[in-house]
Amino acid sequence: MKSYRFLVYFLVISLVLLPSCTIELKRPASTEKTNKTSEVTSTSTASTEATETEVTESEATETVPSETESEPVDDFPNYLDFSDLLRHATVMLDSNYETPGMIRSTALFDISGDGVADQIQLDVNETTCQGNLSVNGVSLTMYIDYFAFAFLMDIDRAESHYDLFIYDRGPSEDPVFHVYRYDGTSIRFLGDLYGTLSADREGRIISSVGTSWHVSPYMVFSWTEIVNGTIVVHPVDRTRYIGQTFRFRSDIVEYGSVWLSETTTIPAYDAFLYGPTPTDIYVRGGTRFTILDLSDCTEGNSPNWYYVRLEDGRTAVFYYMKGD
């Protein structure tokens, strides 16, 4: 009888202890699986790193270096302080199609500063490219290729005054802002600002046509301001960038709109280079280069070419599509 009881006790204790024993046996297998996964991940990463080859059009990437890694050349104007001009807008005009091909944009806002809201209306005929701007019944006509939107903003650095900015995409996606001012009795055309615009909190404006935005940090060749209703362009000495080191913001590839032609000859300063050459070379975004020389440029525009030394010692001319 005692033997029987002992056997029962033994079976009960075995059944209680068996699950914990099984768990303990499984732990080493789980750890081994984790180690194998880590090995596979490491091997995959190494394989990826080892397969980097020369640049082709299909694998081109936007390798944009961090702007904060390298401060702008000098500190004026500091393009890191600039943001899209639209972010500084005070009032966006409300735009709607009155009839097919006819856009009407309106706003009710005191732009003359007399304390009374002004009735602003812009009608654009998309077929004839004719625009009619009216403020409190005073009107004028204008030519607009492809109207996109219009807004009011106070960016005059000498006085507080709201101006009307009309964004025109241009005939070939070459954007331009038409700027107008209403003084309470008449509407005055202040001028055109070309390119994609950015502004800082001090009212300074930089444009894509006056910067070299294919490189990092940006090279700024002019900045603009509105003072007492007059648009003033301030050229920046282009030679300030000679001897400075930059990086390409993206890959330079075959059949692109940015070219890097290997050469030891500096082009004529008034040369306008365009298109591929038999000595074109292709590099990854982030590749460093030093400016050795650059072309002349008209007021408000960036140079047509840059003579550079790449980080591997080769010299080349760097240029890109400007307009059509």
Protein backbone atom coordinates (compact mmCIF):
# COMPACT_ATOMS: atom_id res chain seq x y z
CA MET A 1 0.00 0.00 0.00
CA LYS A 2 2.88 2.34 0.87
CA SER A 3 4.51 1.57 -2.48
CA TYR A 4 1.31 2.47 -4.27
CA ARG A 5 1.02 5.82 -2.43
CA PHE A 6 4.68 6.60 -3.21
CA LEU A 7 4.09 5.91 -6.89
CA VAL A 8 1.06 8.24 -6.96
CA TYR A 9 3.03 11.02 -5.23
CA PHE A 10 5.88 10.61 -7.71
CA LEU A 11 3.52 10.91 -10.72
CA VAL A 12 1.81 14.03 -9.31
CA ILE A 13 5.12 15.79 -8.61
CA SER A 14 6.39 14.90 -12.12
CA LEU A 15 3.32 16.37 -13.76
CA VAL A 16 3.74 19.63 -11.81
CA LEU A 17 7.44 20.03 -12.60
CA LEU A 18 7.36 18.95 -16.26
CA PRO A 19 6.04 22.29 -17.80
CA SER A 20 8.79 24.34 -16.13
CA CYS A 21 11.41 21.94 -17.40
CA THR A 22 10.03 22.25 -20.90
CA ILE A 23 10.19 26.09 -20.76
CA GLU A 24 13.75 26.01 -19.59
CA LEU A 25 14.69 23.80 -22.54
CA LYS A 26 13.13 26.22 -25.06
CA ARG A 27 15.04 29.35 -23.92
CA PRO A 28 18.42 28.46 -25.50
CA ALA A 29 16.69 27.75 -28.84
CA SER A 30 15.06 31.24 -28.83
CA THR A 31 18.39 32.91 -28.08
CA GLU A 32 20.03 30.99 -30.89
CA LYS A 33 17.34 32.15 -33.31
CA THR A 34 17.89 35.80 -32.30
CA ASN A 35 21.62 35.49 -32.87
CA LYS A 36 21.05 34.01 -36.31
CA THR A 37 18.69 36.90 -37.19
CA SER A 38 21.35 39.43 -36.16
CA GLU A 39 23.89 37.64 -38.33
CA VAL A 40 21.54 37.73 -41.30
CA THR A 41 20.86 41.47 -40.79
CA SER A 42 24.56 42.25 -40.59
CA THR A 43 25.27 40.22 -43.70
CA SER A 44 22.44 41.98 -45.57
CA THR A 45 23.75 45.42 -44.55
CA ALA A 46 27.27 44.56 -45.62
CA SER A 47 25.97 43.24 -48.92
CA THR A 48 24.04 46.47 -49.52
CA GLU A 49 27.12 48.56 -48.80
CA ALA A 50 29.25 46.45 -51.09
CA THR A 51 26.91 46.78 -54.07
CA GLU A 52 27.20 50.57 -54.47
CA THR A 53 28.30 51.18 -58.04
CA GLU A 54 28.62 54.10 -60.40
CA VAL A 55 25.63 56.36 -60.91
CA THR A 56 23.02 55.59 -63.54
CA GLU A 57 19.91 57.52 -64.41
CA SER A 58 17.57 54.86 -63.04
CA GLU A 59 19.14 54.85 -59.59
CA ALA A 60 19.53 58.60 -59.16
CA THR A 61 18.50 59.83 -55.73
CA GLU A 62 17.90 63.17 -54.06
CA THR A 63 20.82 62.98 -51.64
CA VAL A 64 20.34 66.32 -49.92
CA PRO A 65 22.95 66.98 -47.23
CA SER A 66 21.75 68.41 -43.93
CA GLU A 67 21.84 72.19 -44.18
CA THR A 68 22.81 72.51 -40.52
CA GLU A 69 25.98 70.47 -41.02
CA SER A 70 27.60 73.28 -42.96
CA GLU A 71 26.76 76.92 -42.36
CA PRO A 72 26.36 79.25 -45.36
CA VAL A 73 29.44 80.96 -46.76
CA ASP A 74 29.68 84.12 -44.66
CA ASP A 75 26.49 85.10 -42.87
CA PHE A 76 24.67 87.52 -45.15
CA PRO A 77 22.17 86.87 -46.35
CA ASN A 78 21.80 83.70 -44.25
CA TYR A 79 19.49 81.60 -46.40
CA LEU A 80 18.68 79.34 -43.45
CA ASP A 81 16.58 82.21 -42.09
CA PHE A 82 14.43 82.31 -45.25
CA SER A 83 11.16 80.49 -45.90
CA ASP A 84 8.71 80.32 -48.79
CA LEU A 85 7.27 83.76 -49.55
CA LEU A 86 3.72 82.41 -49.27
CA ARG A 87 4.29 81.73 -45.57
CA HIS A 88 4.58 85.48 -45.03
CA ALA A 89 1.25 86.25 -46.74
CA THR A 90 -1.36 88.12 -44.69
CA VAL A 91 -4.46 87.46 -46.78
CA MET A 92 -5.03 85.03 -49.67
CA LEU A 93 -7.52 86.18 -52.29
CA ASP A 94 -10.44 83.79 -52.67
CA SER A 95 -10.41 82.44 -56.26
CA ASN A 96 -13.29 80.82 -58.14
CA TYR A 97 -14.30 80.18 -61.76
CA GLU A 98 -17.12 82.59 -62.62
CA THR A 99 -17.46 81.03 -66.07
CA PRO A 100 -15.28 78.50 -67.94
CA GLY A 101 -11.88 80.08 -68.47
CA MET A 102 -12.62 83.13 -66.30
CA ILE A 103 -11.19 83.23 -62.75
CA ARG A 104 -12.30 85.82 -60.22
CA SER A 105 -10.24 86.42 -57.06
CA THR A 106 -11.53 88.69 -54.30
CA ALA A 107 -10.70 90.00 -50.84
CA LEU A 108 -12.05 92.62 -48.45
CA PHE A 109 -9.10 94.14 -46.58
CA ASP A 110 -7.70 97.54 -45.61
CA ILE A 111 -4.60 97.71 -47.81
CA SER A 112 -4.32 101.50 -47.95
CA GLY A 113 -4.11 101.87 -44.17
CA ASP A 114 -6.95 104.38 -43.81
CA GLY A 115 -8.96 102.17 -41.49
CA VAL A 116 -11.57 101.28 -44.10
CA ALA A 117 -11.73 97.84 -45.76
CA ASP A 118 -10.95 97.96 -49.49
CA GLN A 119 -12.79 95.86 -52.08
CA ILE A 120 -10.15 93.99 -54.14
CA GLN A 121 -11.06 92.06 -57.26
CA LEU A 122 -8.87 90.38 -59.89
CA ASP A 123 -10.43 88.88 -63.02
CA VAL A 124 -8.28 86.71 -65.29
CA ASN A 125 -9.29 85.45 -68.71
CA GLU A 126 -7.33 82.22 -69.25
CA THR A 127 -8.01 82.26 -72.99
CA THR A 128 -6.71 85.77 -73.73
CA CYS A 129 -4.27 85.89 -70.76
CA GLN A 130 -5.72 89.28 -69.84
CA GLY A 131 -6.18 90.33 -66.24
CA ASN A 132 -8.15 93.20 -64.74
CA LEU A 133 -7.33 94.38 -61.22
CA SER A 134 -9.86 96.57 -59.44
CA VAL A 135 -9.67 98.19 -56.00
CA ASN A 136 -12.68 100.25 -54.88
CA GLY A 137 -13.63 100.79 -58.52
CA VAL A 138 -10.14 101.90 -59.62
CA SER A 139 -8.79 99.42 -62.16
CA LEU A 140 -5.97 98.55 -64.53
CA THR A 141 -5.26 95.72 -66.96
CA MET A 142 -2.29 93.37 -67.18
CA TYR A 143 -0.98 90.32 -69.03
CA ILE A 144 -0.86 87.00 -67.13
CA ASP A 145 0.34 83.79 -68.77
CA TYR A 146 -0.90 81.23 -66.25
CA PHE A 147 -2.55 82.65 -63.13
CA ALA A 148 -2.16 80.51 -60.01
CA PHE A 149 -3.10 82.62 -56.95
CA ALA A 150 -2.80 86.08 -55.40
CA PHE A 151 -2.18 87.33 -51.87
CA LEU A 152 -1.56 90.46 -49.80
CA MET A 153 1.48 90.99 -47.62
CA ASP A 154 3.37 93.80 -45.88
CA ILE A 155 7.05 93.37 -46.77
CA ASP A 156 8.11 96.99 -47.38
CA ARG A 157 11.14 97.59 -45.15
CA ALA A 158 10.63 101.35 -44.85
CA GLU A 159 6.90 101.67 -44.25
CA SER A 160 3.92 99.60 -43.27
CA HIS A 161 1.97 98.95 -46.44
CA TYR A 162 0.23 95.94 -47.93
CA ASP A 163 1.06 95.03 -51.52
CA LEU A 164 -0.68 92.61 -53.87
CA PHE A 165 1.41 89.71 -55.19
CA ILE A 166 0.03 87.87 -58.23
CA TYR A 167 1.69 84.52 -58.91
CA ASP A 168 2.05 83.75 -62.61
CA ARG A 169 3.47 80.31 -63.53
CA GLY A 170 4.92 81.78 -66.72
CA PRO A 171 4.86 80.43 -70.28
CA SER A 172 7.24 77.53 -69.56
CA GLU A 173 6.99 77.04 -65.81
CA ASP A 174 9.28 80.04 -65.30
CA PRO A 175 7.36 81.68 -62.43
CA VAL A 176 7.05 85.40 -61.85
CA PHE A 177 5.32 87.50 -59.17
CA HIS A 178 3.60 90.66 -60.42
CA VAL A 179 3.57 93.20 -57.57
CA TYR A 180 0.99 96.02 -57.25
CA ARG A 181 0.29 98.75 -54.67
CA TYR A 182 -2.92 100.68 -53.96
CA ASP A 183 -2.37 104.01 -52.18
CA GLY A 184 -6.00 104.91 -51.59
CA THR A 185 -6.57 106.65 -54.92
CA SER A 186 -4.65 104.72 -57.59
CA ILE A 187 -3.03 101.34 -58.34
CA ARG A 188 0.67 101.29 -59.15
CA PHE A 189 2.68 98.46 -60.69
CA LEU A 190 5.86 98.05 -58.61
CA GLY A 191 7.51 95.46 -60.85
CA ASP A 192 8.11 91.75 -61.39
CA LEU A 193 10.02 89.33 -59.17
CA TYR A 194 11.20 86.24 -61.06
CA GLY A 195 11.71 82.68 -59.82
CA THR A 196 10.66 80.86 -56.69
CA LEU A 197 10.84 83.39 -53.85
CA SER A 198 11.72 83.12 -50.18
CA ALA A 199 11.78 85.85 -47.53
CA ASP A 200 13.06 86.37 -44.01
CA ARG A 201 11.43 88.23 -41.12
CA GLU A 202 13.36 91.38 -42.00
CA GLY A 203 11.70 91.72 -45.41
CA ARG A 204 14.63 90.52 -47.52
CA ILE A 205 13.79 88.34 -50.52
CA ILE A 206 15.95 85.79 -52.35
CA SER A 207 15.00 84.11 -55.61
CA SER A 208 15.86 80.80 -57.23
CA VAL A 209 17.27 82.70 -60.23
CA GLY A 210 19.74 84.49 -57.95
CA THR A 211 20.97 81.42 -56.07
CA SER A 212 22.82 78.23 -56.94
CA TRP A 213 20.36 75.79 -55.39
CA HIS A 214 21.95 72.61 -56.82
CA VAL A 215 24.65 72.83 -54.16
CA SER A 216 24.85 72.84 -50.37
CA PRO A 217 25.16 75.32 -48.79
CA TYR A 218 23.32 77.55 -51.25
CA MET A 219 25.33 80.24 -53.01
CA VAL A 220 23.38 83.52 -52.93
CA PHE A 221 24.24 86.00 -55.69
CA SER A 222 21.60 88.64 -55.02
CA TRP A 223 18.83 89.61 -52.62
CA THR A 224 15.87 91.97 -53.07
CA GLU A 225 13.85 94.32 -50.91
CA ILE A 226 10.91 96.70 -51.35
CA VAL A 227 11.64 100.15 -49.93
CA ASN A 228 9.06 102.96 -50.09
CA GLY A 229 7.28 101.15 -52.91
CA THR A 230 10.45 100.58 -54.96
CA ILE A 231 11.94 97.16 -55.72
CA VAL A 232 15.68 97.25 -55.02
CA VAL A 233 18.05 94.45 -56.10
CA HIS A 234 21.33 94.01 -54.21
CA PRO A 235 23.97 92.00 -56.12
CA VAL A 236 26.38 89.89 -54.06
CA ASP A 237 30.05 89.72 -55.14
CA ARG A 238 30.33 86.40 -57.00
CA THR A 239 34.06 86.07 -56.27
CA ARG A 240 33.37 85.64 -52.55
CA TYR A 241 32.75 81.94 -53.25
CA ILE A 242 36.10 81.21 -54.95
CA GLY A 243 38.11 78.84 -52.76
CA GLN A 244 35.03 77.71 -50.82
CA THR A 245 34.00 74.05 -50.64
CA PHE A 246 30.45 72.84 -51.35
CA ARG A 247 28.57 69.61 -52.01
CA PHE A 248 26.20 68.56 -54.79
CA ARG A 249 22.67 68.27 -53.43
CA SER A 250 21.77 65.31 -55.65
CA ASP A 251 23.30 62.83 -58.07
CA ILE A 252 24.58 64.16 -61.39
CA VAL A 253 23.44 61.59 -63.95
CA GLU A 254 23.33 61.03 -67.67
CA TYR A 255 20.34 62.58 -69.47
CA GLY A 256 19.69 65.00 -66.60
CA SER A 257 19.45 68.79 -66.55
CA VAL A 258 22.68 69.25 -64.58
CA TRP A 259 26.05 68.66 -66.22
CA LEU A 260 29.61 68.15 -64.99
CA SER A 261 32.14 68.17 -67.84
CA GLU A 262 35.71 67.13 -67.01
CA THR A 263 38.22 69.65 -68.35
CA THR A 264 41.34 71.63 -67.45
CA THR A 265 40.25 74.64 -69.50
CA ILE A 266 38.34 77.56 -68.00
CA PRO A 267 35.50 78.66 -70.35
CA ALA A 268 35.04 82.24 -71.51
CA TYR A 269 33.47 84.32 -68.75
CA ASP A 270 30.49 85.23 -70.94
CA ALA A 271 29.95 81.66 -72.20
CA PHE A 272 26.49 80.20 -71.73
CA LEU A 273 27.04 76.43 -71.49
CA TYR A 274 24.22 74.02 -72.13
CA GLY A 275 23.78 70.29 -72.71
CA PRO A 276 26.00 67.20 -72.42
CA THR A 277 29.57 66.84 -73.71
CA PRO A 278 31.79 63.80 -74.54
CA THR A 279 33.75 64.37 -71.31
CA ASP A 280 30.78 64.38 -68.93
CA ILE A 281 31.28 62.64 -65.61
CA TYR A 282 28.69 61.47 -63.08
CA VAL A 283 28.94 61.73 -59.29
CA ARG A 284 26.85 61.00 -56.24
CA GLY A 285 24.95 63.65 -54.32
CA GLY A 286 27.06 64.79 -51.39
CA THR A 287 30.30 64.78 -53.41
CA ARG A 288 32.46 67.71 -52.32
CA PHE A 289 34.06 70.21 -54.67
CA THR A 290 35.92 73.51 -54.42
CA ILE A 291 35.12 76.58 -56.53
CA LEU A 292 38.15 77.65 -58.59
CA ASP A 293 36.38 80.17 -60.83
CA LEU A 294 32.92 81.10 -62.13
CA SER A 295 31.36 83.00 -65.01
CA ASP A 296 30.16 86.57 -65.11
CA CYS A 297 26.49 87.04 -64.28
CA THR A 298 23.94 89.77 -64.76
CA GLU A 299 22.43 91.59 -61.79
CA GLY A 300 20.06 89.37 -59.86
CA ASN A 301 21.12 86.14 -61.57
CA SER A 302 23.46 83.27 -60.74
CA PRO A 303 26.55 82.42 -62.89
CA ASN A 304 26.20 80.29 -66.02
CA TRP A 305 29.06 77.94 -65.05
CA TYR A 306 31.40 77.03 -62.19
CA TYR A 307 34.95 75.74 -62.68
CA VAL A 308 35.54 73.27 -59.82
CA ARG A 309 38.00 70.77 -58.38
CA LEU A 310 36.35 67.55 -57.19
CA GLU A 311 37.41 65.82 -53.99
CA ASP A 312 39.31 63.21 -56.06
CA GLY A 313 41.43 65.95 -57.68
CA ARG A 314 39.76 66.09 -61.10
CA THR A 315 38.74 69.50 -62.48
CA ALA A 316 35.48 70.08 -64.31
CA VAL A 317 32.91 72.67 -65.33
CA PHE A 318 29.58 72.44 -63.51
CA TYR A 319 26.46 74.02 -65.06
CA TYR A 320 22.74 73.39 -65.32
CA MET A 321 19.60 74.22 -67.29
CA LYS A 322 18.45 77.80 -66.78
CA GLY A 323 15.01 78.44 -68.23
CA ASP A 324 14.45 76.86 -71.63
